[in-house]
N, C-alpha and C. Protein backbone atom coordinates (compact mmCIF):
# COMPACT_ATOMS: atom_id res chain seq x y z
N MET A 1 9.75 -34.33 -18.24
CA MET A 1 8.82 -35.40 -18.41
C MET A 1 8.70 -36.19 -17.11
N PRO A 2 7.72 -37.05 -17.01
CA PRO A 2 7.44 -37.65 -15.72
C PRO A 2 8.22 -38.90 -15.38
N ILE A 3 8.31 -39.08 -14.09
CA ILE A 3 8.82 -40.33 -13.52
C ILE A 3 7.54 -41.18 -13.34
N ILE A 4 7.52 -42.34 -13.97
CA ILE A 4 6.31 -43.15 -13.88
C ILE A 4 6.45 -44.33 -12.94
N GLY A 5 7.64 -44.48 -12.36
CA GLY A 5 7.82 -45.58 -11.43
C GLY A 5 9.03 -45.32 -10.51
N PHE A 6 8.88 -45.64 -9.24
CA PHE A 6 9.96 -45.57 -8.28
C PHE A 6 9.85 -46.82 -7.38
N ASN A 7 10.85 -47.67 -7.44
CA ASN A 7 10.80 -48.91 -6.68
C ASN A 7 12.06 -49.08 -5.86
N ILE A 8 11.89 -49.55 -4.66
CA ILE A 8 13.02 -49.93 -3.81
C ILE A 8 13.17 -51.43 -3.91
N ASP A 9 14.37 -51.88 -4.24
CA ASP A 9 14.64 -53.31 -4.45
C ASP A 9 15.36 -53.92 -3.27
N LYS A 10 16.13 -53.10 -2.54
CA LYS A 10 16.94 -53.65 -1.45
C LYS A 10 17.17 -52.55 -0.40
N ILE A 11 17.06 -52.96 0.88
CA ILE A 11 17.37 -52.06 2.00
C ILE A 11 18.27 -52.78 2.95
N LEU A 12 19.36 -52.11 3.35
CA LEU A 12 20.27 -52.68 4.32
C LEU A 12 20.57 -51.57 5.33
N VAL A 13 20.28 -51.85 6.60
CA VAL A 13 20.58 -50.91 7.66
C VAL A 13 21.34 -51.66 8.74
N GLU A 14 22.48 -51.13 9.12
CA GLU A 14 23.27 -51.82 10.14
C GLU A 14 23.74 -50.83 11.17
N ASN A 15 23.33 -51.05 12.42
CA ASN A 15 23.76 -50.26 13.55
C ASN A 15 24.93 -51.03 14.16
N LYS A 16 26.16 -50.59 13.88
CA LYS A 16 27.33 -51.37 14.28
C LYS A 16 27.67 -51.19 15.76
N THR A 17 27.81 -49.96 16.21
CA THR A 17 28.24 -49.74 17.59
C THR A 17 27.60 -48.52 18.24
N PHE A 18 26.65 -47.92 17.59
CA PHE A 18 26.11 -46.68 18.14
C PHE A 18 25.42 -46.92 19.46
N GLU A 19 25.78 -46.14 20.46
CA GLU A 19 25.10 -46.12 21.74
C GLU A 19 24.69 -44.71 22.02
N LYS A 20 23.65 -44.56 22.77
CA LYS A 20 23.16 -43.21 23.10
C LYS A 20 24.31 -42.41 23.71
N GLY A 21 24.44 -41.19 23.27
CA GLY A 21 25.47 -40.30 23.82
C GLY A 21 26.73 -40.29 22.93
N GLU A 22 26.88 -41.27 22.06
CA GLU A 22 28.04 -41.29 21.18
C GLU A 22 27.89 -40.18 20.15
N LYS A 23 28.93 -39.48 19.89
CA LYS A 23 28.87 -38.34 18.98
C LYS A 23 29.11 -38.79 17.52
N VAL A 24 28.22 -38.35 16.67
CA VAL A 24 28.38 -38.61 15.23
C VAL A 24 29.01 -37.37 14.64
N ASN A 25 30.18 -37.54 14.01
CA ASN A 25 30.88 -36.40 13.43
C ASN A 25 30.23 -35.94 12.15
N LYS A 26 29.86 -36.86 11.27
CA LYS A 26 29.19 -36.53 10.02
C LYS A 26 28.55 -37.74 9.43
N VAL A 27 27.64 -37.49 8.50
CA VAL A 27 27.02 -38.56 7.77
C VAL A 27 27.18 -38.21 6.26
N GLU A 28 27.87 -39.09 5.57
CA GLU A 28 28.10 -38.85 4.15
C GLU A 28 26.99 -39.54 3.33
N THR A 29 26.53 -38.83 2.32
CA THR A 29 25.51 -39.37 1.42
C THR A 29 26.08 -39.59 0.05
N HIS A 30 25.84 -40.74 -0.51
CA HIS A 30 26.34 -41.05 -1.86
C HIS A 30 25.21 -41.58 -2.70
N ILE A 31 25.11 -41.11 -3.95
CA ILE A 31 24.14 -41.69 -4.88
C ILE A 31 24.95 -42.13 -6.10
N VAL A 32 24.66 -43.34 -6.53
CA VAL A 32 25.34 -43.91 -7.69
C VAL A 32 24.28 -44.43 -8.64
N ILE A 33 24.41 -44.08 -9.94
CA ILE A 33 23.57 -44.70 -10.97
C ILE A 33 24.31 -45.91 -11.43
N ASN A 34 23.78 -47.08 -11.21
CA ASN A 34 24.45 -48.35 -11.58
C ASN A 34 24.21 -48.77 -13.01
N ASP A 35 23.01 -48.49 -13.54
CA ASP A 35 22.70 -48.94 -14.88
C ASP A 35 21.61 -48.07 -15.48
N VAL A 36 21.68 -47.88 -16.78
CA VAL A 36 20.62 -47.17 -17.53
C VAL A 36 20.32 -48.03 -18.75
N ARG A 37 19.04 -48.34 -18.94
CA ARG A 37 18.67 -49.19 -20.05
C ARG A 37 17.24 -48.91 -20.47
N PRO A 38 16.91 -49.23 -21.73
CA PRO A 38 15.53 -49.05 -22.19
C PRO A 38 14.59 -49.95 -21.39
N GLU A 39 13.39 -49.52 -21.25
CA GLU A 39 12.42 -50.29 -20.45
C GLU A 39 11.13 -50.42 -21.24
N LYS A 40 10.53 -51.57 -21.14
CA LYS A 40 9.18 -51.78 -21.70
C LYS A 40 8.17 -51.57 -20.59
N THR A 41 7.06 -50.98 -20.94
CA THR A 41 6.01 -50.75 -19.95
C THR A 41 4.69 -51.41 -20.39
N ALA A 42 3.87 -51.70 -19.42
CA ALA A 42 2.57 -52.29 -19.68
C ALA A 42 1.65 -51.26 -20.32
N VAL A 43 1.90 -49.99 -20.01
CA VAL A 43 1.11 -48.90 -20.53
C VAL A 43 1.71 -48.42 -21.83
N SER A 44 0.92 -48.20 -22.83
CA SER A 44 1.43 -47.72 -24.12
C SER A 44 1.77 -46.25 -24.04
N VAL A 45 3.02 -45.94 -24.40
CA VAL A 45 3.44 -44.52 -24.40
C VAL A 45 4.14 -44.26 -25.73
N LYS A 46 3.97 -43.04 -26.23
CA LYS A 46 4.59 -42.67 -27.50
C LYS A 46 6.05 -42.27 -27.31
N GLU A 47 6.38 -41.81 -26.14
CA GLU A 47 7.74 -41.38 -25.83
C GLU A 47 8.62 -42.55 -25.52
N GLY A 48 9.89 -42.27 -25.26
CA GLY A 48 10.82 -43.33 -24.86
C GLY A 48 10.77 -43.55 -23.33
N VAL A 49 11.10 -44.75 -22.93
CA VAL A 49 11.08 -45.10 -21.51
C VAL A 49 12.42 -45.73 -21.16
N ILE A 50 13.01 -45.30 -20.03
CA ILE A 50 14.24 -45.89 -19.56
C ILE A 50 14.10 -46.26 -18.10
N ARG A 51 14.99 -47.17 -17.70
CA ARG A 51 15.06 -47.58 -16.30
C ARG A 51 16.46 -47.22 -15.81
N LEU A 52 16.52 -46.49 -14.69
CA LEU A 52 17.78 -46.14 -14.06
C LEU A 52 17.87 -46.88 -12.71
N ASP A 53 18.88 -47.73 -12.56
CA ASP A 53 19.13 -48.40 -11.29
C ASP A 53 20.01 -47.51 -10.44
N PHE A 54 19.64 -47.31 -9.19
CA PHE A 54 20.40 -46.40 -8.31
C PHE A 54 20.79 -47.11 -7.03
N LEU A 55 21.76 -46.53 -6.37
CA LEU A 55 22.20 -46.95 -5.06
C LEU A 55 22.35 -45.71 -4.21
N PHE A 56 21.63 -45.64 -3.10
CA PHE A 56 21.67 -44.51 -2.15
C PHE A 56 22.34 -45.07 -0.89
N GLU A 57 23.39 -44.38 -0.45
CA GLU A 57 24.14 -44.91 0.69
C GLU A 57 24.40 -43.77 1.70
N LEU A 58 24.22 -44.10 2.98
CA LEU A 58 24.60 -43.23 4.07
C LEU A 58 25.69 -43.91 4.86
N ALA A 59 26.77 -43.15 5.11
CA ALA A 59 27.89 -43.70 5.92
C ALA A 59 28.08 -42.75 7.09
N TYR A 60 27.82 -43.26 8.28
CA TYR A 60 27.99 -42.49 9.51
C TYR A 60 29.48 -42.50 9.88
N GLU A 61 29.99 -41.36 10.30
CA GLU A 61 31.40 -41.25 10.75
C GLU A 61 31.40 -40.81 12.21
N PRO A 62 32.09 -41.47 13.10
CA PRO A 62 32.88 -42.67 12.86
C PRO A 62 31.98 -43.80 12.44
N ARG A 63 32.55 -44.87 11.90
CA ARG A 63 31.79 -45.97 11.27
C ARG A 63 30.92 -46.72 12.29
N ILE A 64 29.87 -46.06 12.75
CA ILE A 64 28.97 -46.64 13.71
C ILE A 64 27.77 -47.30 13.02
N ALA A 65 27.54 -46.90 11.75
CA ALA A 65 26.36 -47.42 11.04
C ALA A 65 26.49 -47.22 9.56
N ASP A 66 25.80 -48.04 8.82
CA ASP A 66 25.69 -47.93 7.37
C ASP A 66 24.26 -48.15 6.96
N MET A 67 23.86 -47.47 5.90
CA MET A 67 22.53 -47.63 5.35
C MET A 67 22.66 -47.63 3.86
N LEU A 68 21.96 -48.57 3.22
CA LEU A 68 22.00 -48.72 1.78
C LEU A 68 20.61 -48.93 1.27
N ILE A 69 20.19 -48.15 0.29
CA ILE A 69 18.90 -48.36 -0.38
C ILE A 69 19.18 -48.46 -1.88
N ALA A 70 18.80 -49.60 -2.43
CA ALA A 70 18.96 -49.82 -3.88
C ALA A 70 17.59 -49.89 -4.52
N GLY A 71 17.49 -49.36 -5.70
CA GLY A 71 16.20 -49.39 -6.39
C GLY A 71 16.33 -48.97 -7.84
N HIS A 72 15.18 -48.69 -8.42
CA HIS A 72 15.18 -48.22 -9.79
C HIS A 72 14.04 -47.26 -10.06
N VAL A 73 14.27 -46.39 -11.04
CA VAL A 73 13.30 -45.35 -11.44
C VAL A 73 12.97 -45.61 -12.89
N THR A 74 11.68 -45.56 -13.21
CA THR A 74 11.24 -45.63 -14.62
C THR A 74 10.87 -44.26 -15.05
N TYR A 75 11.42 -43.81 -16.17
CA TYR A 75 11.35 -42.41 -16.59
C TYR A 75 10.92 -42.34 -18.04
N VAL A 76 10.01 -41.40 -18.35
CA VAL A 76 9.53 -41.19 -19.69
C VAL A 76 9.96 -39.83 -20.18
N ASP A 77 10.45 -39.78 -21.41
CA ASP A 77 10.83 -38.49 -22.02
C ASP A 77 10.72 -38.67 -23.55
N SER A 78 11.00 -37.61 -24.26
CA SER A 78 10.96 -37.67 -25.72
C SER A 78 11.97 -38.70 -26.21
N GLU A 79 11.69 -39.27 -27.37
CA GLU A 79 12.61 -40.28 -27.97
C GLU A 79 14.00 -39.69 -28.09
N LYS A 80 14.09 -38.45 -28.52
CA LYS A 80 15.38 -37.79 -28.71
C LYS A 80 16.17 -37.74 -27.40
N GLU A 81 15.51 -37.30 -26.35
CA GLU A 81 16.18 -37.18 -25.03
C GLU A 81 16.58 -38.54 -24.48
N ILE A 82 15.72 -39.52 -24.63
CA ILE A 82 16.02 -40.87 -24.14
C ILE A 82 17.21 -41.45 -24.90
N LYS A 83 17.21 -41.27 -26.21
CA LYS A 83 18.37 -41.76 -27.01
C LYS A 83 19.66 -41.10 -26.60
N GLN A 84 19.58 -39.81 -26.28
CA GLN A 84 20.78 -39.06 -25.87
C GLN A 84 21.29 -39.60 -24.53
N ILE A 85 20.40 -39.82 -23.60
CA ILE A 85 20.80 -40.36 -22.29
C ILE A 85 21.43 -41.75 -22.46
N LEU A 86 20.82 -42.60 -23.26
CA LEU A 86 21.39 -43.94 -23.47
C LEU A 86 22.72 -43.88 -24.21
N ALA A 87 22.84 -42.98 -25.16
CA ALA A 87 24.11 -42.82 -25.88
C ALA A 87 25.22 -42.35 -24.97
N ASP A 88 24.90 -41.38 -24.12
CA ASP A 88 25.91 -40.88 -23.17
C ASP A 88 26.35 -42.00 -22.21
N TRP A 89 25.40 -42.83 -21.78
CA TRP A 89 25.71 -43.92 -20.85
C TRP A 89 26.60 -44.96 -21.52
N LYS A 90 26.28 -45.32 -22.77
CA LYS A 90 27.05 -46.33 -23.48
C LYS A 90 28.43 -45.85 -23.87
N LYS A 91 28.50 -44.55 -24.24
CA LYS A 91 29.78 -43.99 -24.68
C LYS A 91 30.81 -44.00 -23.56
N ASP A 92 30.40 -43.51 -22.40
CA ASP A 92 31.31 -43.43 -21.28
C ASP A 92 30.62 -44.08 -20.09
N ARG A 93 30.67 -45.42 -20.04
CA ARG A 93 29.94 -46.16 -19.02
C ARG A 93 30.04 -45.52 -17.65
N GLY A 94 28.95 -45.31 -17.03
CA GLY A 94 28.93 -44.73 -15.70
C GLY A 94 28.88 -43.20 -15.72
N SER A 95 28.88 -42.65 -16.89
CA SER A 95 28.82 -41.19 -17.00
C SER A 95 27.53 -40.80 -17.68
N ILE A 96 26.96 -39.76 -17.15
CA ILE A 96 25.68 -39.29 -17.72
C ILE A 96 25.58 -37.80 -17.45
N ASN A 97 24.95 -37.11 -18.39
CA ASN A 97 24.76 -35.67 -18.22
C ASN A 97 23.77 -35.43 -17.10
N LEU A 98 24.25 -34.83 -16.00
CA LEU A 98 23.38 -34.63 -14.82
C LEU A 98 22.20 -33.73 -15.10
N GLU A 99 22.35 -32.79 -16.05
CA GLU A 99 21.22 -31.95 -16.40
C GLU A 99 20.06 -32.76 -16.96
N SER A 100 20.39 -33.83 -17.66
CA SER A 100 19.34 -34.68 -18.27
C SER A 100 18.55 -35.42 -17.23
N ILE A 101 19.18 -35.76 -16.12
CA ILE A 101 18.46 -36.59 -15.11
C ILE A 101 18.31 -35.87 -13.77
N ARG A 102 18.36 -34.57 -13.79
CA ARG A 102 18.22 -33.79 -12.54
C ARG A 102 16.92 -34.15 -11.78
N SER A 103 15.81 -34.20 -12.49
CA SER A 103 14.54 -34.50 -11.81
C SER A 103 14.55 -35.92 -11.21
N ILE A 104 15.23 -36.84 -11.90
CA ILE A 104 15.30 -38.22 -11.39
C ILE A 104 16.12 -38.25 -10.10
N LEU A 105 17.28 -37.61 -10.11
CA LEU A 105 18.14 -37.58 -8.94
C LEU A 105 17.47 -36.89 -7.76
N ASN A 106 16.76 -35.81 -8.05
CA ASN A 106 16.05 -35.13 -6.99
C ASN A 106 14.96 -36.01 -6.36
N MET A 107 14.26 -36.78 -7.20
CA MET A 107 13.24 -37.70 -6.69
C MET A 107 13.90 -38.80 -5.85
N VAL A 108 15.01 -39.32 -6.30
CA VAL A 108 15.73 -40.35 -5.52
C VAL A 108 16.13 -39.78 -4.19
N LEU A 109 16.70 -38.56 -4.18
CA LEU A 109 17.11 -37.95 -2.93
C LEU A 109 15.93 -37.73 -1.98
N ILE A 110 14.85 -37.23 -2.49
CA ILE A 110 13.68 -36.97 -1.63
C ILE A 110 13.15 -38.27 -1.02
N LYS A 111 12.88 -39.24 -1.86
CA LYS A 111 12.27 -40.48 -1.37
C LYS A 111 13.22 -41.26 -0.46
N CYS A 112 14.49 -41.33 -0.83
CA CYS A 112 15.46 -42.09 -0.03
C CYS A 112 15.78 -41.42 1.28
N ASN A 113 15.86 -40.08 1.31
CA ASN A 113 16.10 -39.38 2.57
C ASN A 113 14.94 -39.60 3.53
N ILE A 114 13.73 -39.53 3.04
CA ILE A 114 12.56 -39.80 3.91
C ILE A 114 12.59 -41.22 4.46
N LYS A 115 12.85 -42.19 3.56
CA LYS A 115 12.93 -43.58 4.00
C LYS A 115 14.07 -43.77 4.98
N ALA A 116 15.23 -43.15 4.70
CA ALA A 116 16.39 -43.30 5.61
C ALA A 116 16.10 -42.71 6.98
N LEU A 117 15.37 -41.61 7.03
CA LEU A 117 15.01 -41.00 8.29
C LEU A 117 14.15 -41.96 9.13
N SER A 118 13.19 -42.61 8.47
CA SER A 118 12.34 -43.58 9.17
C SER A 118 13.16 -44.78 9.61
N LEU A 119 14.03 -45.28 8.76
CA LEU A 119 14.84 -46.45 9.08
C LEU A 119 15.81 -46.17 10.23
N SER A 120 16.37 -44.98 10.24
CA SER A 120 17.31 -44.62 11.32
C SER A 120 16.62 -44.62 12.66
N GLN A 121 15.35 -44.23 12.70
CA GLN A 121 14.59 -44.24 13.94
C GLN A 121 14.32 -45.71 14.33
N GLU A 122 14.09 -46.57 13.40
CA GLU A 122 13.79 -47.99 13.69
C GLU A 122 14.96 -48.69 14.34
N VAL A 123 16.20 -48.34 13.97
CA VAL A 123 17.39 -49.01 14.52
C VAL A 123 18.15 -48.14 15.52
N ASN A 124 17.48 -47.10 16.04
CA ASN A 124 18.03 -46.23 17.06
C ASN A 124 19.33 -45.52 16.66
N LEU A 125 19.31 -44.94 15.46
CA LEU A 125 20.40 -44.11 15.00
C LEU A 125 19.95 -42.66 15.01
N PRO A 126 20.89 -41.74 15.15
CA PRO A 126 20.51 -40.32 15.08
C PRO A 126 20.10 -39.98 13.61
N PRO A 127 19.24 -39.03 13.46
CA PRO A 127 18.83 -38.66 12.10
C PRO A 127 20.02 -38.14 11.30
N HIS A 128 20.07 -38.43 10.04
CA HIS A 128 21.17 -37.96 9.21
C HIS A 128 20.94 -36.55 8.66
N LEU A 129 19.76 -36.01 8.87
CA LEU A 129 19.43 -34.66 8.45
C LEU A 129 19.16 -33.81 9.67
N PRO A 130 19.50 -32.53 9.64
CA PRO A 130 19.15 -31.70 10.79
C PRO A 130 17.66 -31.47 10.83
N LEU A 131 17.07 -31.69 11.99
CA LEU A 131 15.63 -31.52 12.13
C LEU A 131 15.36 -30.22 12.89
N PRO A 132 14.27 -29.56 12.57
CA PRO A 132 13.94 -28.32 13.26
C PRO A 132 13.59 -28.60 14.73
N LEU A 133 14.08 -27.72 15.61
CA LEU A 133 13.81 -27.83 17.03
C LEU A 133 13.07 -26.59 17.51
N MET A 134 12.18 -26.76 18.45
CA MET A 134 11.41 -25.64 18.99
C MET A 134 12.28 -24.75 19.85
N PHE A 135 13.04 -25.35 20.75
CA PHE A 135 13.90 -24.60 21.65
C PHE A 135 15.27 -25.23 21.67
N LYS A 136 16.27 -24.44 21.71
CA LYS A 136 17.63 -24.95 21.88
C LYS A 136 17.92 -24.92 23.38
N GLN A 137 18.72 -25.87 23.80
CA GLN A 137 19.09 -25.92 25.22
C GLN A 137 20.01 -24.74 25.52
N GLN A 138 19.68 -24.00 26.52
CA GLN A 138 20.46 -22.82 26.92
C GLN A 138 21.43 -23.18 28.04
N PRO A 139 22.60 -22.53 28.08
CA PRO A 139 23.52 -22.77 29.22
C PRO A 139 22.83 -22.40 30.51
N LYS A 140 23.14 -23.13 31.57
CA LYS A 140 22.45 -22.93 32.88
C LYS A 140 22.96 -21.69 33.60
N ASN A 141 24.19 -21.33 33.41
CA ASN A 141 24.71 -20.12 34.08
C ASN A 141 25.76 -19.48 33.23
N ASP A 142 26.25 -18.34 33.67
CA ASP A 142 27.24 -17.57 32.89
C ASP A 142 28.54 -18.32 32.73
N ALA A 143 28.92 -19.15 33.70
CA ALA A 143 30.19 -19.89 33.62
C ALA A 143 30.17 -20.83 32.41
N GLU A 144 29.03 -21.38 32.06
CA GLU A 144 28.93 -22.27 30.90
C GLU A 144 29.01 -21.51 29.60
N LYS A 145 28.70 -20.20 29.62
CA LYS A 145 28.77 -19.39 28.39
C LYS A 145 30.21 -18.98 28.08
N TYR A 146 31.09 -18.97 29.07
CA TYR A 146 32.47 -18.54 28.88
C TYR A 146 33.19 -19.46 27.92
N ILE A 147 33.82 -18.89 26.88
CA ILE A 147 34.50 -19.72 25.90
C ILE A 147 36.01 -19.52 25.90
N GLY A 148 36.54 -18.66 26.76
CA GLY A 148 37.94 -18.33 26.78
C GLY A 148 38.74 -19.25 27.56
């Protein structure tokens, strides 16, 4: 069923110490679902509607930068499926069947990764995703190729 709303509520980007030439070892990505609750919509729908609050976080290692995007997704599905998602959430707070919300998590990943890529450029951070390159830099001579 469809996602009928995707909203970003908060963005925090902090370039702590990154300078050009500094090596980034890795960038960890974390997604957390903070809350799941029924949602009322202005549009009349026969199915159930829920709101999922999320937190998307990038942590650069070493700790040269942090990025946080918080928001919410409005999702429509059958009453049965919505009730099951809400029951799972209430039964074991913070736990949800990932199969039920796979499309939601994929949408959060797509939209937040694109936004994070743009934000990293704004604050002079290296991209957190590998980008395609036309040419790789080749060693200048045979001595640079030697690995022994």
